[in-house]
Amino acid sequence: MSDSFYPAHAFHQGFADGRASGDLSVSPAGFCFRNDTQSVTMPLAGARLTLGGASDRIIFIAHPDFPDWSLYTSDHAFLRDPVLAAHPELTLALSTMRRKRVHSWAMLAAVLAMIVAIPVALLLNMGWLTSIAARQVPASWEEKLGKTAFGQYQVRADIIQDPQTARLLTELTDVLTQALPDSPYKFHFYVARDPALNAFALPGGYIVVHSELLLRADSADEVLGVLAHEISHVTEQHGTRNLIASTGLFLTLQAALGDATGLLGTLASAAPFLLSQKYSRGFENEADAQGFELLQRAHIDGRGMVSFFDKVKSEEEEMRAKLREQVGETAGIALGETPEFLSTHPATDARIARMREKAAHQQGPFRDMNATFNALKTRIREFETQHPSKEKPE
């Protein structure tokens, strides 16, 4: 006989409100329910055991000889009672209930897994979601956002305001913009007097190239490779997608489903973020691939893109080597400064290898823009000589 008692309840018209709580025990004589007022014992033979309630939490006991009684307990230790396990007639019922219980828990676990998995899956696929959401953003809105960010950059930057420089730069960049297929953006290119080797793009078509990059480049192909990469950041909406990702999953998903009103409202004041953003490795690889395709459509030799990244990477290695000689191996690595271009456009060996592979399979003939490029370099040097740089207040 079992010595265990299980908290239980019984339905019977003899109880107040037709229901009462008490204890349930099992013996060879049957299922015994008792409380302070009544008790009943249902034989094991012929008893019906079933699961019910939410998630099958409750075990119901009934017997055809006791039609006015119904017992139930939520203590599942009851199913492991040794008296029940030894009764052959109840073995099948117990096995069925255990399978049903396992199935119920499996279903619950599956539902919970889905509740957790769906947001996780969406977060892991934010790049895909932001791509869809960005398509809901009008090009005119991106242009306003980029213009606002560029205006803030102008306050502290030294933009070259020179008609001849602007004309030569336009002549150089027209070969790229005219090769764009049905672009909704009107591109604006600027040269900033800055000793850092860098270039960057803002949503809507605002692209800035530092004078140092133009002066250090050895060919028009190198500069056009950089600019094709920056143009692709714009056309692939990478800056806008960065901002969208920063708003969180809900607004991104809402915009991806077609309602971008909340997203646009949140991003209205996000322009300053664009001036310090860095692109993911995926965005950089995408800009490389799309930029290279743009060079091919414009009949520009893609090897210039490869040689420029090689050049900047070599400069970084030389800089770090000198620092290691001066202050030691560990300190040199810690203090080594990365060229600004590499800090925003990491030139990994794998990335350079991919671009080199593309360049090896391209076919000419290629356009020669070196005359325009050399004239632009000469004009920038002349301008810097004629107009010494003035530091702007912080």
Protein backbone atom coordinates (compact mmCIF):
# COMPACT_ATOMS: atom_id res chain seq x y z
CA MET A 1 0.00 0.00 0.00
CA SER A 2 1.18 3.49 -0.79
CA ASP A 3 1.95 5.80 2.11
CA SER A 4 1.67 8.89 -0.06
CA PHE A 5 -1.05 11.47 0.12
CA TYR A 6 -1.67 13.92 -2.69
CA PRO A 7 -3.46 17.26 -2.48
CA ALA A 8 -6.69 16.86 -4.42
CA HIS A 9 -10.20 18.13 -4.99
CA ALA A 10 -13.55 16.44 -5.45
CA PHE A 11 -16.79 17.37 -7.14
CA HIS A 12 -19.91 16.10 -5.37
CA GLN A 13 -23.30 17.60 -4.68
CA GLY A 14 -22.85 16.92 -0.97
CA PHE A 15 -20.18 19.61 -0.70
CA ALA A 16 -20.88 23.31 -0.32
CA ASP A 17 -20.73 24.82 -3.80
CA GLY A 18 -20.39 21.24 -5.09
CA ARG A 19 -16.61 21.19 -4.65
CA ALA A 20 -14.14 20.58 -1.80
CA SER A 21 -10.43 20.07 -1.26
CA GLY A 22 -8.81 17.21 0.60
CA ASP A 23 -6.24 14.43 0.37
CA LEU A 24 -6.01 11.60 -2.16
CA SER A 25 -4.29 8.31 -1.49
CA VAL A 26 -4.02 5.02 -3.38
CA SER A 27 -4.29 1.52 -1.98
CA PRO A 28 -5.25 -1.89 -3.38
CA ALA A 29 -8.78 -1.00 -2.25
CA GLY A 30 -8.89 1.95 -4.60
CA PHE A 31 -8.58 5.74 -4.85
CA CYS A 32 -9.47 7.23 -1.49
CA PHE A 33 -10.44 10.89 -1.17
CA ARG A 34 -11.15 12.34 2.26
CA ASN A 35 -11.55 15.66 3.98
CA ASP A 36 -13.12 16.84 7.23
CA THR A 37 -16.67 16.20 6.07
CA GLN A 38 -16.76 13.28 3.62
CA SER A 39 -14.73 10.51 2.06
CA VAL A 40 -15.05 8.16 -0.87
CA THR A 41 -13.08 5.18 -2.21
CA MET A 42 -13.26 4.33 -5.91
CA PRO A 43 -12.04 0.83 -6.91
CA LEU A 44 -8.96 0.65 -9.10
CA ALA A 45 -10.69 -1.74 -11.43
CA GLY A 46 -12.85 0.14 -13.89
CA ALA A 47 -11.49 3.58 -12.93
CA ARG A 48 -10.87 6.09 -15.72
CA LEU A 49 -7.80 8.32 -15.48
CA THR A 50 -7.56 11.26 -17.89
CA LEU A 51 -5.57 14.47 -18.29
CA GLY A 52 -7.17 17.88 -18.75
CA GLY A 53 -6.94 21.56 -18.00
CA ALA A 54 -4.37 24.01 -19.35
CA SER A 55 -1.32 22.16 -20.71
CA ASP A 56 -2.84 18.92 -19.35
CA ARG A 57 -1.81 19.84 -15.83
CA ILE A 58 -4.72 18.13 -14.07
CA ILE A 59 -5.32 14.37 -13.55
CA PHE A 60 -9.02 13.47 -13.38
CA ILE A 61 -10.31 10.25 -11.79
CA ALA A 62 -13.81 8.91 -12.39
CA HIS A 63 -15.58 5.58 -11.98
CA PRO A 64 -18.86 4.39 -13.51
CA ASP A 65 -19.98 3.02 -10.12
CA PHE A 66 -19.65 6.52 -8.63
CA PRO A 67 -21.27 8.78 -11.24
CA ASP A 68 -21.81 11.61 -8.75
CA TRP A 69 -18.13 11.82 -7.86
CA SER A 70 -15.20 13.28 -9.75
CA LEU A 71 -11.71 13.54 -8.25
CA TYR A 72 -8.74 15.48 -9.55
CA THR A 73 -5.21 16.42 -8.55
CA SER A 74 -2.48 18.52 -10.16
CA ASP A 75 0.28 16.62 -8.36
CA HIS A 76 1.89 14.55 -11.14
CA ALA A 77 3.85 12.52 -8.60
CA PHE A 78 0.52 10.70 -8.31
CA LEU A 79 1.21 9.02 -11.68
CA ARG A 80 4.33 7.39 -10.22
CA ASP A 81 2.55 5.89 -7.23
CA PRO A 82 3.77 2.25 -6.84
CA VAL A 83 0.22 0.93 -6.33
CA LEU A 84 -0.83 2.33 -9.73
CA ALA A 85 2.31 1.00 -11.40
CA ALA A 86 1.54 -2.49 -10.11
CA HIS A 87 -2.05 -2.53 -11.38
CA PRO A 88 -2.20 -4.11 -14.88
CA GLU A 89 -5.52 -2.51 -15.84
CA LEU A 90 -4.16 1.00 -15.22
CA THR A 91 -0.76 0.51 -16.88
CA LEU A 92 -2.06 1.42 -20.34
CA ALA A 93 -3.87 4.52 -19.04
CA LEU A 94 -0.74 5.67 -17.21
CA SER A 95 1.40 5.13 -20.33
CA THR A 96 -1.08 7.08 -22.47
CA MET A 97 -1.14 9.96 -19.99
CA ARG A 98 2.64 10.11 -19.83
CA ARG A 99 2.87 10.24 -23.63
CA LYS A 100 0.22 12.94 -23.73
CA ARG A 101 2.02 14.87 -21.01
CA VAL A 102 5.32 14.64 -22.90
CA HIS A 103 3.57 15.74 -26.07
CA SER A 104 1.98 18.69 -24.28
CA TRP A 105 5.33 19.79 -22.87
CA ALA A 106 6.92 19.34 -26.29
CA MET A 107 4.24 21.53 -27.85
CA LEU A 108 4.71 24.13 -25.13
CA ALA A 109 8.47 24.02 -25.59
CA ALA A 110 8.01 24.41 -29.34
CA VAL A 111 5.76 27.44 -28.86
CA LEU A 112 8.21 29.01 -26.42
CA ALA A 113 11.07 28.23 -28.80
CA MET A 114 9.18 29.97 -31.59
CA ILE A 115 8.51 32.97 -29.37
CA VAL A 116 12.23 33.22 -28.67
CA ALA A 117 13.44 32.08 -32.09
CA ILE A 118 11.44 34.52 -34.20
CA PRO A 119 12.93 37.69 -32.62
CA VAL A 120 16.38 36.07 -32.61
CA ALA A 121 16.02 35.13 -36.27
CA LEU A 122 14.91 38.66 -37.09
CA LEU A 123 17.86 40.12 -35.18
CA LEU A 124 20.27 37.79 -36.95
CA ASN A 125 18.79 38.92 -40.26
CA MET A 126 18.76 42.65 -39.53
CA GLY A 127 20.77 43.27 -42.71
CA TRP A 128 17.98 41.76 -44.77
CA LEU A 129 15.30 43.59 -42.78
CA THR A 130 17.03 46.97 -43.02
CA SER A 131 17.39 46.46 -46.76
CA ILE A 132 13.62 46.01 -47.10
CA ALA A 133 12.88 48.86 -44.69
CA ALA A 134 15.27 51.22 -46.50
CA ARG A 135 13.31 50.76 -49.71
CA GLN A 136 10.37 52.43 -47.98
CA VAL A 137 12.47 55.57 -47.41
CA PRO A 138 12.03 58.13 -50.23
CA ALA A 139 15.23 59.24 -51.97
CA SER A 140 14.22 62.86 -51.27
CA TRP A 141 14.19 62.10 -47.54
CA GLU A 142 17.65 60.54 -47.74
CA GLU A 143 18.86 63.62 -49.63
CA LYS A 144 17.60 65.90 -46.82
CA LEU A 145 19.23 63.70 -44.20
CA GLY A 146 22.55 63.71 -46.06
CA LYS A 147 22.36 67.46 -46.63
CA THR A 148 21.78 68.04 -42.91
CA ALA A 149 24.75 65.85 -41.97
CA PHE A 150 26.95 67.53 -44.58
CA GLY A 151 25.94 70.94 -43.26
CA GLN A 152 27.10 69.94 -39.79
CA TYR A 153 30.36 68.61 -41.25
CA GLN A 154 30.94 71.90 -43.11
CA VAL A 155 31.00 73.85 -39.85
CA ARG A 156 34.29 72.25 -38.85
CA ALA A 157 35.65 71.18 -42.27
CA ASP A 158 37.71 73.13 -44.78
CA ILE A 159 35.84 72.56 -48.03
CA ILE A 160 37.70 73.84 -51.10
CA GLN A 161 35.50 76.53 -52.63
CA ASP A 162 37.14 76.84 -56.03
CA PRO A 163 35.33 76.73 -59.41
CA GLN A 164 38.29 75.15 -61.22
CA THR A 165 38.62 72.38 -58.63
CA ALA A 166 34.87 71.77 -58.78
CA ARG A 167 34.93 71.60 -62.59
CA LEU A 168 37.80 69.11 -62.72
CA LEU A 169 36.29 66.98 -59.98
CA THR A 170 32.95 66.91 -61.83
CA GLU A 171 34.69 65.94 -65.06
CA LEU A 172 36.36 63.07 -63.22
CA THR A 173 33.25 61.84 -61.39
CA ASP A 174 30.85 62.21 -64.33
CA VAL A 175 32.26 59.02 -65.86
CA LEU A 176 30.92 57.15 -62.81
CA THR A 177 27.59 58.88 -62.22
CA GLN A 178 26.69 58.64 -65.90
CA ALA A 179 27.23 54.87 -65.72
CA LEU A 180 24.72 54.45 -62.89
CA PRO A 181 21.56 52.64 -64.00
CA ASP A 182 18.51 54.84 -63.24
CA SER A 183 19.81 56.18 -59.94
CA PRO A 184 17.28 58.22 -57.89
CA TYR A 185 20.14 60.21 -56.34
CA LYS A 186 21.77 63.43 -57.50
CA PHE A 187 25.39 63.18 -56.41
CA HIS A 188 27.37 66.03 -54.86
CA PHE A 189 31.15 65.69 -54.65
CA TYR A 190 33.41 67.87 -52.49
CA VAL A 191 37.12 68.13 -51.76
CA ALA A 192 37.99 68.85 -48.13
CA ARG A 193 41.44 70.12 -47.21
CA ASP A 194 42.45 67.47 -44.75
CA PRO A 195 45.80 65.68 -44.15
CA ALA A 196 44.02 62.41 -43.33
CA LEU A 197 43.88 59.88 -46.13
CA ASN A 198 40.12 59.39 -46.32
CA ALA A 199 36.83 59.70 -48.19
CA PHE A 200 33.26 59.15 -47.02
CA ALA A 201 29.69 59.12 -48.26
CA LEU A 202 26.42 60.34 -46.76
CA PRO A 203 22.88 59.26 -47.68
CA GLY A 204 21.31 60.97 -50.66
CA GLY A 205 24.54 61.35 -52.62
CA TYR A 206 26.87 63.62 -50.60
CA ILE A 207 30.47 62.40 -51.01
CA VAL A 208 33.58 64.01 -49.56
CA VAL A 209 37.15 63.15 -50.57
CA HIS A 210 40.10 64.53 -48.62
CA SER A 211 42.74 66.47 -50.48
CA GLU A 212 45.43 64.17 -49.08
CA LEU A 213 43.83 61.17 -50.77
CA LEU A 214 43.83 62.94 -54.15
CA LEU A 215 47.43 64.09 -53.74
CA ARG A 216 48.68 60.67 -52.63
CA ALA A 217 46.92 58.68 -55.35
CA ASP A 218 49.08 57.69 -58.31
CA SER A 219 46.37 57.47 -60.95
CA ALA A 220 42.82 58.41 -61.84
CA ASP A 221 41.93 54.71 -61.60
CA GLU A 222 42.84 54.67 -57.90
CA VAL A 223 40.68 57.69 -57.11
CA LEU A 224 37.80 56.45 -59.23
CA GLY A 225 38.01 53.07 -57.48
CA VAL A 226 37.58 54.80 -54.11
CA LEU A 227 34.76 56.99 -55.41
CA ALA A 228 32.95 54.03 -57.00
CA HIS A 229 33.09 52.33 -53.60
CA GLU A 230 31.64 55.44 -51.89
CA ILE A 231 28.93 55.83 -54.54
CA SER A 232 27.91 52.23 -53.87
CA HIS A 233 27.50 52.99 -50.16
CA VAL A 234 24.89 55.54 -51.28
CA THR A 235 23.11 53.43 -53.88
CA GLU A 236 22.96 50.43 -51.52
CA GLN A 237 21.64 52.74 -48.76
CA HIS A 238 24.25 51.61 -46.24
CA GLY A 239 24.18 54.82 -44.20
CA THR A 240 20.40 54.79 -44.07
CA ARG A 241 20.38 51.10 -43.17
CA ASN A 242 22.83 51.74 -40.33
CA LEU A 243 20.45 54.34 -38.93
CA ILE A 244 17.46 52.05 -39.36
CA ALA A 245 19.23 49.25 -37.48
CA SER A 246 19.93 51.66 -34.61
CA THR A 247 16.18 52.30 -34.12
CA GLY A 248 15.55 48.74 -32.99
CA LEU A 249 13.70 45.69 -34.23
CA PHE A 250 10.13 46.96 -33.87
CA LEU A 251 10.46 50.08 -36.04
CA THR A 252 12.62 48.22 -38.55
CA LEU A 253 10.05 45.44 -38.89
CA GLN A 254 7.23 47.97 -39.06
CA ALA A 255 8.98 49.80 -41.90
CA ALA A 256 9.79 46.54 -43.67
CA LEU A 257 6.07 45.76 -43.61
CA GLY A 258 5.34 49.05 -45.35
CA ASP A 259 4.76 51.62 -42.57
CA ALA A 260 7.82 53.87 -42.39
CA THR A 261 6.17 56.79 -40.58
CA GLY A 262 7.49 55.86 -37.15
CA LEU A 263 10.92 55.16 -38.59
CA LEU A 264 11.18 58.49 -40.41
CA GLY A 265 10.08 60.34 -37.30
CA THR A 266 12.76 58.64 -35.20
CA LEU A 267 15.51 59.24 -37.76
CA ALA A 268 14.68 62.91 -38.30
CA SER A 269 17.32 63.99 -35.77
CA ALA A 270 19.85 61.20 -36.42
CA ALA A 271 22.04 63.05 -38.95
CA PRO A 272 25.01 63.57 -36.53
CA PHE A 273 25.36 59.80 -36.20
CA LEU A 274 26.24 59.59 -39.91
CA LEU A 275 29.47 61.55 -39.41
CA SER A 276 30.94 58.94 -37.04
CA GLN A 277 29.46 55.75 -38.45
CA LYS A 278 31.44 52.73 -39.57
CA TYR A 279 30.14 50.12 -41.97
CA SER A 280 29.93 46.42 -41.28
CA ARG A 281 32.18 43.98 -43.09
CA GLY A 282 29.16 42.90 -45.13
CA PHE A 283 28.44 46.47 -46.23
CA GLU A 284 32.08 47.03 -47.15
CA ASN A 285 32.16 43.84 -49.23
CA GLU A 286 28.93 44.85 -50.91
CA ALA A 287 30.29 48.32 -51.72
CA ASP A 288 33.43 46.68 -53.15
CA ALA A 289 31.41 44.41 -55.41
CA GLN A 290 28.95 47.07 -56.55
CA GLY A 291 31.74 49.63 -56.93
CA PHE A 292 33.73 47.26 -59.10
CA GLU A 293 30.69 46.67 -61.32
CA LEU A 294 30.27 50.43 -61.64
CA LEU A 295 33.92 50.77 -62.73
CA GLN A 296 33.34 48.15 -65.41
CA ARG A 297 30.27 49.95 -66.75
CA ALA A 298 32.27 53.19 -66.82
CA HIS A 299 35.21 51.42 -68.56
CA ILE A 300 37.61 52.19 -65.69
CA ASP A 301 40.38 49.74 -64.81
CA GLY A 302 39.45 48.05 -61.52
CA ARG A 303 43.09 47.40 -60.69
CA GLY A 304 43.21 50.98 -59.41
CA MET A 305 40.85 50.04 -56.57
CA VAL A 306 43.16 47.16 -55.62
CA SER A 307 46.37 49.19 -55.83
CA PHE A 308 44.96 51.95 -53.63
CA PHE A 309 44.01 49.52 -50.86
CA ASP A 310 47.42 47.86 -51.18
CA LYS A 311 49.05 51.27 -50.85
CA VAL A 312 47.16 52.25 -47.71
CA LYS A 313 47.70 48.85 -46.11
CA SER A 314 51.44 49.05 -46.81
CA GLU A 315 51.53 52.50 -45.23
CA GLU A 316 49.89 51.13 -42.09
CA GLU A 317 52.44 48.30 -41.89
CA GLU A 318 55.35 50.75 -42.30
CA MET A 319 53.90 53.02 -39.62
CA ARG A 320 53.58 50.17 -37.16
CA ALA A 321 57.10 48.91 -37.95
CA LYS A 322 58.60 52.32 -37.19
CA LEU A 323 56.73 52.54 -33.90
CA ARG A 324 57.92 49.07 -32.89
CA GLU A 325 61.51 50.17 -33.52
CA GLN A 326 61.03 53.31 -31.43
CA VAL A 327 59.06 52.06 -28.42
CA GLY A 328 59.20 48.26 -28.54
CA GLU A 329 57.01 45.50 -29.92
CA THR A 330 54.11 45.58 -27.42
CA ALA A 331 53.93 49.35 -27.08
CA GLY A 332 54.27 49.78 -30.84
CA ILE A 333 51.24 47.63 -31.47
CA ALA A 334 49.28 49.47 -28.79
CA LEU A 335 50.24 52.97 -29.94
CA GLY A 336 50.23 52.36 -33.67
CA GLU A 337 47.80 54.66 -35.43
CA THR A 338 45.74 53.28 -38.28
CA PRO A 339 45.31 55.53 -41.32
CA GLU A 340 41.83 57.03 -41.22
CA PHE A 341 40.86 55.36 -44.46
CA LEU A 342 41.58 51.93 -43.01
CA SER A 343 39.77 52.72 -39.75
CA THR A 344 36.55 53.25 -41.72
CA HIS A 345 37.33 50.87 -44.62
CA PRO A 346 39.25 47.91 -43.13
CA ALA A 347 41.40 46.44 -45.92
CA THR A 348 41.68 42.81 -44.88
CA ASP A 349 43.82 40.43 -46.91
CA ALA A 350 40.69 38.47 -47.90
CA ARG A 351 38.99 41.62 -49.10
CA ILE A 352 41.96 42.70 -51.21
CA ALA A 353 42.27 39.18 -52.60
CA ARG A 354 38.63 39.23 -53.72
CA MET A 355 39.09 42.55 -55.52
CA ARG A 356 42.32 41.33 -57.12
CA GLU A 357 40.49 38.23 -58.38
CA LYS A 358 37.80 40.40 -59.97
CA ALA A 359 40.41 42.64 -61.58
CA ALA A 360 42.20 39.64 -63.06
CA HIS A 361 39.08 38.70 -65.05
CA GLN A 362 38.07 42.13 -66.33
CA GLN A 363 38.26 43.06 -69.99
CA GLY A 364 39.27 46.37 -71.57
CA PRO A 365 39.67 48.68 -73.27
CA PHE A 366 39.68 51.15 -70.40
CA ARG A 367 39.11 54.89 -70.30
CA ASP A 368 42.15 57.05 -69.48
CA MET A 369 41.22 59.89 -67.11
CA ASN A 370 44.75 60.70 -65.97
CA ALA A 371 44.92 64.06 -67.75
CA THR A 372 41.91 65.31 -65.76
CA PHE A 373 43.19 63.71 -62.57
CA ASN A 374 46.66 65.26 -62.89
CA ALA A 375 45.10 68.67 -63.62
CA LEU A 376 42.99 68.27 -60.46
CA LYS A 377 46.03 67.41 -58.35
CA THR A 378 47.92 70.41 -59.74
CA ARG A 379 45.01 72.73 -59.03
CA ILE A 380 44.68 71.48 -55.43
CA ARG A 381 48.39 72.11 -54.82
CA GLU A 382 48.07 75.60 -56.30
CA PHE A 383 45.01 76.34 -54.20
CA GLU A 384 46.69 75.19 -51.01
CA THR A 385 49.68 77.41 -51.80
CA GLN A 386 47.49 80.42 -52.58
CA HIS A 387 45.14 79.89 -49.65
CA PRO A 388 46.97 78.68 -46.53
CA SER A 389 44.76 76.58 -44.33
CA LYS A 390 43.11 78.27 -41.36
CA GLU A 391 42.13 76.25 -38.36
CA LYS A 392 38.46 76.40 -37.58
CA PRO A 393 37.29 76.79 -34.00
CA GLU A 394 36.08 73.64 -32.27
